[in-house]
Structures are given as C-alpha cells and as structure tokens.
Amino acid sequence: MPENSAGTLVTPAKPAKEKPGGTLYRGREGMWSWVLHRITGVAIFFFLLVHILDTALVRVSPEAYNAVIGTYQTPIMGLGEVALVGAIVFHAFNGLRIILVDFWSWATRNQKVLFYIVVALWLITMLAFTPRHLINVFSH
C-alpha cells in the first residue's frame, strides 16, 4: 500500500465505471430485437413440433386425428393462429434485418432504424391479416 507524506497508508481510488460504448444490445432496440427473435424462434419450433406430432396421428388413428383437428377449429385456436402468424412474420422480417446487419456496415450503423422498419412492416402485415382471419374464425 502506498503512503502519503504523513506516513499513513492510502488506499488507491477505484476508477469510475464507464458505460460500455459501441455496443448494439445494451437495453435498446438491438437487445429487444434479439430477445423477440429468440422467443419467436422457440415458439415457432414448438408449434412445428406439435404440428408434426398431430399430423402423424393420421397414421396411428384417423379417429384421434379427427378429434385433434376438431379441437383446432375453435375461436381460442383462431386467436392462437393470429399469435402464430405474428411470431412468424416478426421472425421473418427480423431475420432479414439480422442478415443486413451481419453483412453490411451501413446496416450496423442504422440498426435502430432497421428495427423500427421491422416493427412497422410487422404492424402493417398484422393489421392486414388479423381482421380478415378473425372474420373467418368468428363467422362459423
């Protein structure tokens, strides 16, 4: 330990913590894009797993297959289909954003704008899809 002129021990001052600079993901648009991409990817994976299993039922028991398909034709599942399409659309648009950020430096510099473009495209797509789909779901 260093001593001062009076001969007493002096503890060195701790350097101030600096905020990390130049990162894309510190609680901003890049981080939320990353989180939503992972959540939608996992959700789509589990949907595909269930879809493969319920389709395989037709080989095991056509009656069981028909029963399962019958449960899918409910308003609750119609709302679930809206969520599924929302997940797929976001995952697709954000995947294109990720490709741009990975391969072009201008996209890395503008990743915040690209995130808002993804959100806008997602919103436009969902506003076009949702009413038409729900009319079909609730008209039966």
N, C-alpha and C. Protein backbone atom coordinates (compact mmCIF):
# COMPACT_ATOMS: atom_id res chain seq x y z
N MET A 1 0.84 -1.18 0.00
CA MET A 1 0.00 0.00 0.00
C MET A 1 0.88 1.24 0.00
N PRO A 2 0.52 2.23 -0.80
CA PRO A 2 1.31 3.47 -0.82
C PRO A 2 1.05 4.31 0.43
N GLU A 3 2.05 5.12 0.78
CA GLU A 3 1.91 6.01 1.94
C GLU A 3 1.92 7.45 1.47
N ASN A 4 1.22 8.31 2.25
CA ASN A 4 1.27 9.74 1.93
C ASN A 4 2.44 10.38 2.66
N SER A 5 2.58 11.71 2.55
CA SER A 5 3.73 12.39 3.16
C SER A 5 3.73 12.29 4.68
N ALA A 6 2.57 12.04 5.31
CA ALA A 6 2.50 11.91 6.77
C ALA A 6 2.82 10.49 7.20
N GLY A 7 3.01 9.58 6.28
CA GLY A 7 3.37 8.22 6.62
C GLY A 7 2.19 7.30 6.83
N THR A 8 0.96 7.76 6.55
CA THR A 8 -0.21 6.89 6.71
C THR A 8 -0.50 6.19 5.40
N LEU A 9 -1.08 5.01 5.53
CA LEU A 9 -1.42 4.23 4.34
C LEU A 9 -2.59 4.87 3.59
N VAL A 10 -2.46 4.87 2.29
CA VAL A 10 -3.50 5.44 1.43
C VAL A 10 -4.01 4.33 0.52
N THR A 11 -5.32 4.18 0.49
CA THR A 11 -5.88 3.19 -0.43
C THR A 11 -6.09 3.87 -1.78
N PRO A 12 -5.69 3.20 -2.82
CA PRO A 12 -5.85 3.81 -4.14
C PRO A 12 -7.34 3.98 -4.48
N ALA A 13 -7.64 5.07 -5.16
CA ALA A 13 -9.02 5.32 -5.57
C ALA A 13 -9.41 4.34 -6.66
N LYS A 14 -10.66 3.87 -6.58
CA LYS A 14 -11.16 2.97 -7.61
C LYS A 14 -11.53 3.80 -8.83
N PRO A 15 -11.16 3.31 -9.99
CA PRO A 15 -11.54 4.06 -11.20
C PRO A 15 -13.06 4.03 -11.38
N ALA A 16 -13.61 5.13 -11.87
CA ALA A 16 -15.05 5.20 -12.11
C ALA A 16 -15.43 4.22 -13.20
N LYS A 17 -16.57 3.56 -12.98
CA LYS A 17 -17.05 2.63 -14.01
C LYS A 17 -17.54 3.42 -15.21
N GLU A 18 -17.08 2.99 -16.36
CA GLU A 18 -17.50 3.65 -17.58
C GLU A 18 -18.60 2.84 -18.23
N LYS A 19 -19.52 3.55 -18.87
CA LYS A 19 -20.55 2.86 -19.63
C LYS A 19 -19.90 2.26 -20.87
N PRO A 20 -20.28 1.02 -21.19
CA PRO A 20 -19.71 0.45 -22.40
C PRO A 20 -20.20 1.22 -23.62
N GLY A 21 -19.34 1.43 -24.54
CA GLY A 21 -19.71 2.17 -25.74
C GLY A 21 -19.60 1.31 -26.97
N GLY A 22 -20.34 1.65 -27.98
CA GLY A 22 -20.23 0.98 -29.26
C GLY A 22 -20.92 -0.36 -29.34
N THR A 23 -21.73 -0.71 -28.36
CA THR A 23 -22.44 -1.99 -28.45
C THR A 23 -23.83 -1.77 -29.00
N LEU A 24 -24.41 -2.82 -29.53
CA LEU A 24 -25.74 -2.73 -30.10
C LEU A 24 -26.83 -3.10 -29.10
N TYR A 25 -26.51 -3.83 -28.05
CA TYR A 25 -27.55 -4.51 -27.29
C TYR A 25 -27.76 -4.04 -25.85
N ARG A 26 -27.36 -2.92 -25.43
CA ARG A 26 -27.47 -2.53 -24.03
C ARG A 26 -28.86 -1.99 -23.67
N GLY A 27 -29.88 -2.85 -23.72
CA GLY A 27 -31.21 -2.46 -23.31
C GLY A 27 -31.93 -1.59 -24.31
N ARG A 28 -31.46 -1.56 -25.51
CA ARG A 28 -32.07 -0.70 -26.52
C ARG A 28 -32.74 -1.57 -27.59
N GLU A 29 -32.97 -1.01 -28.73
CA GLU A 29 -33.69 -1.70 -29.79
C GLU A 29 -33.01 -3.01 -30.20
N GLY A 30 -31.68 -3.00 -30.26
CA GLY A 30 -30.96 -4.21 -30.64
C GLY A 30 -31.19 -5.34 -29.67
N MET A 31 -31.22 -5.04 -28.36
CA MET A 31 -31.46 -6.08 -27.37
C MET A 31 -32.88 -6.62 -27.48
N TRP A 32 -33.86 -5.74 -27.66
CA TRP A 32 -35.24 -6.21 -27.76
C TRP A 32 -35.45 -7.01 -29.03
N SER A 33 -34.78 -6.61 -30.08
CA SER A 33 -34.84 -7.38 -31.32
C SER A 33 -34.28 -8.78 -31.09
N TRP A 34 -33.16 -8.86 -30.38
CA TRP A 34 -32.52 -10.14 -30.07
C TRP A 34 -33.45 -11.01 -29.23
N VAL A 35 -34.04 -10.43 -28.19
CA VAL A 35 -34.92 -11.19 -27.29
C VAL A 35 -36.15 -11.68 -28.05
N LEU A 36 -36.81 -10.80 -28.80
CA LEU A 36 -38.01 -11.19 -29.53
C LEU A 36 -37.70 -12.22 -30.61
N HIS A 37 -36.53 -12.13 -31.22
CA HIS A 37 -36.16 -13.12 -32.23
C HIS A 37 -36.03 -14.50 -31.60
N ARG A 38 -35.44 -14.57 -30.41
CA ARG A 38 -35.29 -15.87 -29.73
C ARG A 38 -36.64 -16.41 -29.28
N ILE A 39 -37.49 -15.56 -28.72
CA ILE A 39 -38.81 -16.00 -28.24
C ILE A 39 -39.65 -16.50 -29.41
N THR A 40 -39.69 -15.73 -30.50
CA THR A 40 -40.50 -16.17 -31.65
C THR A 40 -39.92 -17.43 -32.28
N GLY A 41 -38.61 -17.56 -32.29
CA GLY A 41 -37.99 -18.77 -32.84
C GLY A 41 -38.36 -20.01 -32.04
N VAL A 42 -38.31 -19.90 -30.73
CA VAL A 42 -38.67 -21.05 -29.87
C VAL A 42 -40.15 -21.37 -30.01
N ALA A 43 -41.00 -20.35 -30.06
CA ALA A 43 -42.44 -20.57 -30.22
C ALA A 43 -42.74 -21.27 -31.54
N ILE A 44 -42.09 -20.84 -32.61
CA ILE A 44 -42.31 -21.46 -33.92
C ILE A 44 -41.82 -22.91 -33.90
N PHE A 45 -40.69 -23.15 -33.25
CA PHE A 45 -40.17 -24.52 -33.13
C PHE A 45 -41.19 -25.43 -32.45
N PHE A 46 -41.75 -24.99 -31.32
CA PHE A 46 -42.71 -25.83 -30.61
C PHE A 46 -44.00 -26.01 -31.40
N PHE A 47 -44.43 -24.98 -32.12
CA PHE A 47 -45.59 -25.16 -32.99
C PHE A 47 -45.31 -26.25 -34.02
N LEU A 48 -44.14 -26.18 -34.67
CA LEU A 48 -43.82 -27.18 -35.69
C LEU A 48 -43.74 -28.58 -35.10
N LEU A 49 -43.21 -28.70 -33.89
CA LEU A 49 -43.15 -30.00 -33.22
C LEU A 49 -44.55 -30.56 -33.00
N VAL A 50 -45.45 -29.74 -32.46
CA VAL A 50 -46.83 -30.18 -32.23
C VAL A 50 -47.51 -30.49 -33.56
N HIS A 51 -47.27 -29.68 -34.56
CA HIS A 51 -47.88 -29.89 -35.88
C HIS A 51 -47.44 -31.23 -36.48
N ILE A 52 -46.17 -31.56 -36.36
CA ILE A 52 -45.69 -32.84 -36.87
C ILE A 52 -46.32 -33.99 -36.11
N LEU A 53 -46.41 -33.85 -34.78
CA LEU A 53 -46.99 -34.93 -33.97
C LEU A 53 -48.48 -35.12 -34.27
N ASP A 54 -49.24 -34.01 -34.38
CA ASP A 54 -50.66 -34.21 -34.63
C ASP A 54 -50.93 -34.69 -36.05
N THR A 55 -50.08 -34.32 -37.00
CA THR A 55 -50.24 -34.83 -38.36
C THR A 55 -49.89 -36.32 -38.41
N ALA A 56 -48.95 -36.75 -37.60
CA ALA A 56 -48.57 -38.16 -37.56
C ALA A 56 -49.69 -39.03 -36.99
N LEU A 57 -50.62 -38.42 -36.27
CA LEU A 57 -51.74 -39.18 -35.71
C LEU A 57 -52.59 -39.85 -36.78
N VAL A 58 -52.62 -39.29 -37.97
CA VAL A 58 -53.45 -39.86 -39.03
C VAL A 58 -53.01 -41.29 -39.37
N ARG A 59 -51.71 -41.58 -39.20
CA ARG A 59 -51.21 -42.94 -39.46
C ARG A 59 -51.54 -43.88 -38.30
N VAL A 60 -51.61 -43.34 -37.10
CA VAL A 60 -51.87 -44.17 -35.92
C VAL A 60 -53.36 -44.43 -35.76
N SER A 61 -54.14 -43.35 -35.78
CA SER A 61 -55.58 -43.48 -35.58
C SER A 61 -56.29 -42.31 -36.26
N PRO A 62 -56.96 -42.55 -37.36
CA PRO A 62 -57.68 -41.48 -38.03
C PRO A 62 -58.74 -40.82 -37.13
N GLU A 63 -59.34 -41.60 -36.23
CA GLU A 63 -60.33 -41.03 -35.32
C GLU A 63 -59.68 -40.03 -34.36
N ALA A 64 -58.51 -40.39 -33.84
CA ALA A 64 -57.79 -39.47 -32.94
C ALA A 64 -57.36 -38.22 -33.70
N TYR A 65 -56.92 -38.40 -34.94
CA TYR A 65 -56.54 -37.25 -35.76
C TYR A 65 -57.72 -36.31 -35.95
N ASN A 66 -58.88 -36.87 -36.30
CA ASN A 66 -60.08 -36.04 -36.50
C ASN A 66 -60.49 -35.32 -35.21
N ALA A 67 -60.32 -35.98 -34.07
CA ALA A 67 -60.66 -35.35 -32.79
C ALA A 67 -59.73 -34.17 -32.51
N VAL A 68 -58.45 -34.36 -32.77
CA VAL A 68 -57.49 -33.28 -32.53
C VAL A 68 -57.75 -32.12 -33.48
N ILE A 69 -57.97 -32.41 -34.75
CA ILE A 69 -58.24 -31.36 -35.73
C ILE A 69 -59.54 -30.63 -35.37
N GLY A 70 -60.50 -31.34 -34.82
CA GLY A 70 -61.74 -30.71 -34.38
C GLY A 70 -61.52 -29.70 -33.26
N THR A 71 -60.58 -29.98 -32.38
CA THR A 71 -60.30 -29.02 -31.30
C THR A 71 -59.60 -27.78 -31.82
N TYR A 72 -58.98 -27.88 -32.98
CA TYR A 72 -58.29 -26.72 -33.55
C TYR A 72 -59.27 -25.73 -34.18
N GLN A 73 -60.49 -26.14 -34.39
CA GLN A 73 -61.46 -25.28 -35.06
C GLN A 73 -62.33 -24.53 -34.06
N THR A 74 -61.68 -23.94 -33.06
CA THR A 74 -62.37 -23.17 -32.04
C THR A 74 -61.87 -21.72 -32.10
N PRO A 75 -62.68 -20.79 -31.56
CA PRO A 75 -62.22 -19.39 -31.54
C PRO A 75 -60.91 -19.18 -30.79
N ILE A 76 -60.69 -19.94 -29.72
CA ILE A 76 -59.43 -19.80 -28.97
C ILE A 76 -58.25 -20.14 -29.86
N MET A 77 -58.38 -21.22 -30.63
CA MET A 77 -57.29 -21.60 -31.54
C MET A 77 -57.16 -20.59 -32.68
N GLY A 78 -58.27 -19.96 -33.07
CA GLY A 78 -58.21 -18.90 -34.08
C GLY A 78 -57.37 -17.73 -33.59
N LEU A 79 -57.52 -17.39 -32.31
CA LEU A 79 -56.67 -16.34 -31.73
C LEU A 79 -55.22 -16.81 -31.65
N GLY A 80 -55.04 -18.10 -31.34
CA GLY A 80 -53.69 -18.66 -31.32
C GLY A 80 -53.03 -18.59 -32.70
N GLU A 81 -53.84 -18.77 -33.74
CA GLU A 81 -53.30 -18.66 -35.09
C GLU A 81 -52.82 -17.24 -35.39
N VAL A 82 -53.53 -16.24 -34.85
CA VAL A 82 -53.08 -14.85 -35.02
C VAL A 82 -51.72 -14.67 -34.35
N ALA A 83 -51.56 -15.23 -33.14
CA ALA A 83 -50.28 -15.14 -32.44
C ALA A 83 -49.19 -15.87 -33.22
N LEU A 84 -49.52 -17.03 -33.77
CA LEU A 84 -48.53 -17.79 -34.56
C LEU A 84 -48.10 -17.00 -35.79
N VAL A 85 -49.05 -16.44 -36.52
CA VAL A 85 -48.69 -15.66 -37.70
C VAL A 85 -47.87 -14.44 -37.29
N GLY A 86 -48.24 -13.81 -36.17
CA GLY A 86 -47.47 -12.67 -35.68
C GLY A 86 -46.03 -13.05 -35.39
N ALA A 87 -45.84 -14.22 -34.76
CA ALA A 87 -44.49 -14.69 -34.45
C ALA A 87 -43.70 -14.98 -35.72
N ILE A 88 -44.34 -15.63 -36.68
CA ILE A 88 -43.66 -15.98 -37.93
C ILE A 88 -43.28 -14.72 -38.70
N VAL A 89 -44.20 -13.77 -38.78
CA VAL A 89 -43.94 -12.54 -39.55
C VAL A 89 -42.81 -11.74 -38.90
N PHE A 90 -42.85 -11.58 -37.56
CA PHE A 90 -41.77 -10.84 -36.91
C PHE A 90 -40.45 -11.56 -37.11
N HIS A 91 -40.43 -12.87 -36.91
CA HIS A 91 -39.20 -13.64 -37.03
C HIS A 91 -38.62 -13.51 -38.45
N ALA A 92 -39.48 -13.52 -39.45
CA ALA A 92 -39.01 -13.41 -40.84
C ALA A 92 -38.43 -12.02 -41.11
N PHE A 93 -39.18 -10.97 -40.78
CA PHE A 93 -38.68 -9.61 -41.03
C PHE A 93 -37.42 -9.32 -40.23
N ASN A 94 -37.40 -9.75 -38.98
CA ASN A 94 -36.22 -9.50 -38.15
C ASN A 94 -35.03 -10.33 -38.63
N GLY A 95 -35.29 -11.51 -39.16
CA GLY A 95 -34.21 -12.31 -39.73
C GLY A 95 -33.56 -11.60 -40.91
N LEU A 96 -34.36 -10.94 -41.73
CA LEU A 96 -33.80 -10.15 -42.83
C LEU A 96 -32.98 -8.98 -42.28
N ARG A 97 -33.45 -8.35 -41.20
CA ARG A 97 -32.70 -7.26 -40.57
C ARG A 97 -31.35 -7.78 -40.07
N ILE A 98 -31.35 -8.95 -39.47
CA ILE A 98 -30.11 -9.54 -38.95
C ILE A 98 -29.13 -9.82 -40.09
N ILE A 99 -29.64 -10.32 -41.21
CA ILE A 99 -28.77 -10.56 -42.37
C ILE A 99 -28.13 -9.26 -42.82
N LEU A 100 -28.93 -8.20 -42.90
CA LEU A 100 -28.39 -6.90 -43.31
C LEU A 100 -27.32 -6.42 -42.33
N VAL A 101 -27.59 -6.53 -41.03
CA VAL A 101 -26.63 -6.07 -40.01
C VAL A 101 -25.35 -6.91 -40.06
N ASP A 102 -25.49 -8.19 -40.33
CA ASP A 102 -24.31 -9.06 -40.37
C ASP A 102 -23.41 -8.80 -41.57
N PHE A 103 -23.97 -8.39 -42.69
CA PHE A 103 -23.18 -8.32 -43.91
C PHE A 103 -22.85 -6.92 -44.41
N TRP A 104 -23.55 -5.90 -43.94
CA TRP A 104 -23.30 -4.55 -44.44
C TRP A 104 -23.09 -3.58 -43.30
N SER A 105 -22.00 -2.83 -43.36
CA SER A 105 -21.67 -1.90 -42.27
C SER A 105 -22.69 -0.78 -42.15
N TRP A 106 -23.29 -0.33 -43.26
CA TRP A 106 -24.31 0.72 -43.16
C TRP A 106 -25.49 0.25 -42.35
N ALA A 107 -25.81 -1.06 -42.44
CA ALA A 107 -26.94 -1.60 -41.67
C ALA A 107 -26.61 -1.64 -40.19
N THR A 108 -25.36 -1.93 -39.85
CA THR A 108 -24.95 -1.92 -38.45
C THR A 108 -25.09 -0.53 -37.87
N ARG A 109 -24.68 0.45 -38.62
CA ARG A 109 -24.80 1.84 -38.16
C ARG A 109 -26.26 2.27 -38.03
N ASN A 110 -27.13 1.67 -38.83
CA ASN A 110 -28.55 2.06 -38.86
C ASN A 110 -29.46 0.97 -38.30
N GLN A 111 -28.93 0.12 -37.42
CA GLN A 111 -29.74 -1.00 -36.93
C GLN A 111 -30.96 -0.53 -36.16
N LYS A 112 -30.89 0.61 -35.51
CA LYS A 112 -32.04 1.14 -34.78
C LYS A 112 -33.18 1.47 -35.75
N VAL A 113 -32.87 2.13 -36.83
CA VAL A 113 -33.87 2.46 -37.85
C VAL A 113 -34.42 1.17 -38.46
N LEU A 114 -33.54 0.22 -38.73
CA LEU A 114 -33.99 -1.05 -39.30
C LEU A 114 -34.95 -1.78 -38.36
N PHE A 115 -34.72 -1.69 -37.04
CA PHE A 115 -35.63 -2.32 -36.08
C PHE A 115 -37.02 -1.69 -36.20
N TYR A 116 -37.07 -0.37 -36.29
CA TYR A 116 -38.37 0.29 -36.40
C TYR A 116 -39.03 0.00 -37.75
N ILE A 117 -38.25 -0.23 -38.78
CA ILE A 117 -38.81 -0.65 -40.06
C ILE A 117 -39.42 -2.04 -39.92
N VAL A 118 -38.74 -2.95 -39.22
CA VAL A 118 -39.27 -4.29 -38.96
C VAL A 118 -40.60 -4.18 -38.21
N VAL A 119 -40.63 -3.37 -37.17
CA VAL A 119 -41.86 -3.21 -36.38
C VAL A 119 -42.98 -2.65 -37.26
N ALA A 120 -42.67 -1.67 -38.11
CA ALA A 120 -43.69 -1.08 -38.98
C ALA A 120 -44.21 -2.11 -39.98
N LEU A 121 -43.31 -2.88 -40.60
CA LEU A 121 -43.74 -3.91 -41.55
C LEU A 121 -44.57 -4.98 -40.86
N TRP A 122 -44.16 -5.35 -39.64
CA TRP A 122 -44.92 -6.33 -38.86
C TRP A 122 -46.32 -5.80 -38.57
N LEU A 123 -46.41 -4.56 -38.14
CA LEU A 123 -47.69 -3.96 -37.81
C LEU A 123 -48.60 -3.88 -39.04
N ILE A 124 -48.06 -3.46 -40.17
CA ILE A 124 -48.85 -3.38 -41.41
C ILE A 124 -49.36 -4.76 -41.80
N THR A 125 -48.48 -5.75 -41.74
CA THR A 125 -48.87 -7.12 -42.10
C THR A 125 -49.95 -7.65 -41.17
N MET A 126 -49.78 -7.43 -39.87
CA MET A 126 -50.75 -7.94 -38.91
C MET A 126 -52.08 -7.20 -39.01
N LEU A 127 -52.04 -5.91 -39.30
CA LEU A 127 -53.29 -5.16 -39.48
C LEU A 127 -54.04 -5.63 -40.72
N ALA A 128 -53.33 -6.09 -41.72
CA ALA A 128 -53.98 -6.64 -42.91
C ALA A 128 -54.50 -8.05 -42.67
N PHE A 129 -53.77 -8.85 -41.92
CA PHE A 129 -54.14 -10.26 -41.71
C PHE A 129 -55.21 -10.45 -40.65
N THR A 130 -55.05 -9.82 -39.51
CA THR A 130 -55.87 -10.13 -38.32
C THR A 130 -57.37 -9.95 -38.55
N PRO A 131 -57.85 -8.83 -39.06
CA PRO A 131 -59.30 -8.71 -39.22
C PRO A 131 -59.89 -9.75 -40.17
N ARG A 132 -59.22 -9.99 -41.27
CA ARG A 132 -59.73 -10.97 -42.24
C ARG A 132 -59.76 -12.37 -41.63
N HIS A 133 -58.73 -12.69 -40.88
CA HIS A 133 -58.68 -14.01 -40.25
C HIS A 133 -59.76 -14.15 -39.18
N LEU A 134 -59.89 -13.15 -38.34
CA LEU A 134 -60.88 -13.24 -37.25
C LEU A 134 -62.31 -13.23 -37.77
N ILE A 135 -62.56 -12.57 -38.89
CA ILE A 135 -63.90 -12.65 -39.50
C ILE A 135 -64.20 -14.10 -39.87
N ASN A 136 -63.22 -14.79 -40.43
CA ASN A 136 -63.42 -16.21 -40.77
C ASN A 136 -63.58 -17.06 -39.51
N VAL A 137 -62.83 -16.78 -38.48
CA VAL A 137 -62.89 -17.58 -37.25
C VAL A 137 -64.25 -17.42 -36.57
N PHE A 138 -64.73 -16.20 -36.46
CA PHE A 138 -65.94 -15.96 -35.69
C PHE A 138 -67.22 -15.99 -36.51
N SER A 139 -67.12 -16.20 -37.82
CA SER A 139 -68.33 -16.26 -38.64
C SER A 139 -68.89 -17.68 -38.75
N HIS A 140 -68.19 -18.65 -38.26
CA HIS A 140 -68.67 -20.03 -38.36
C HIS A 140 -69.50 -20.40 -37.18
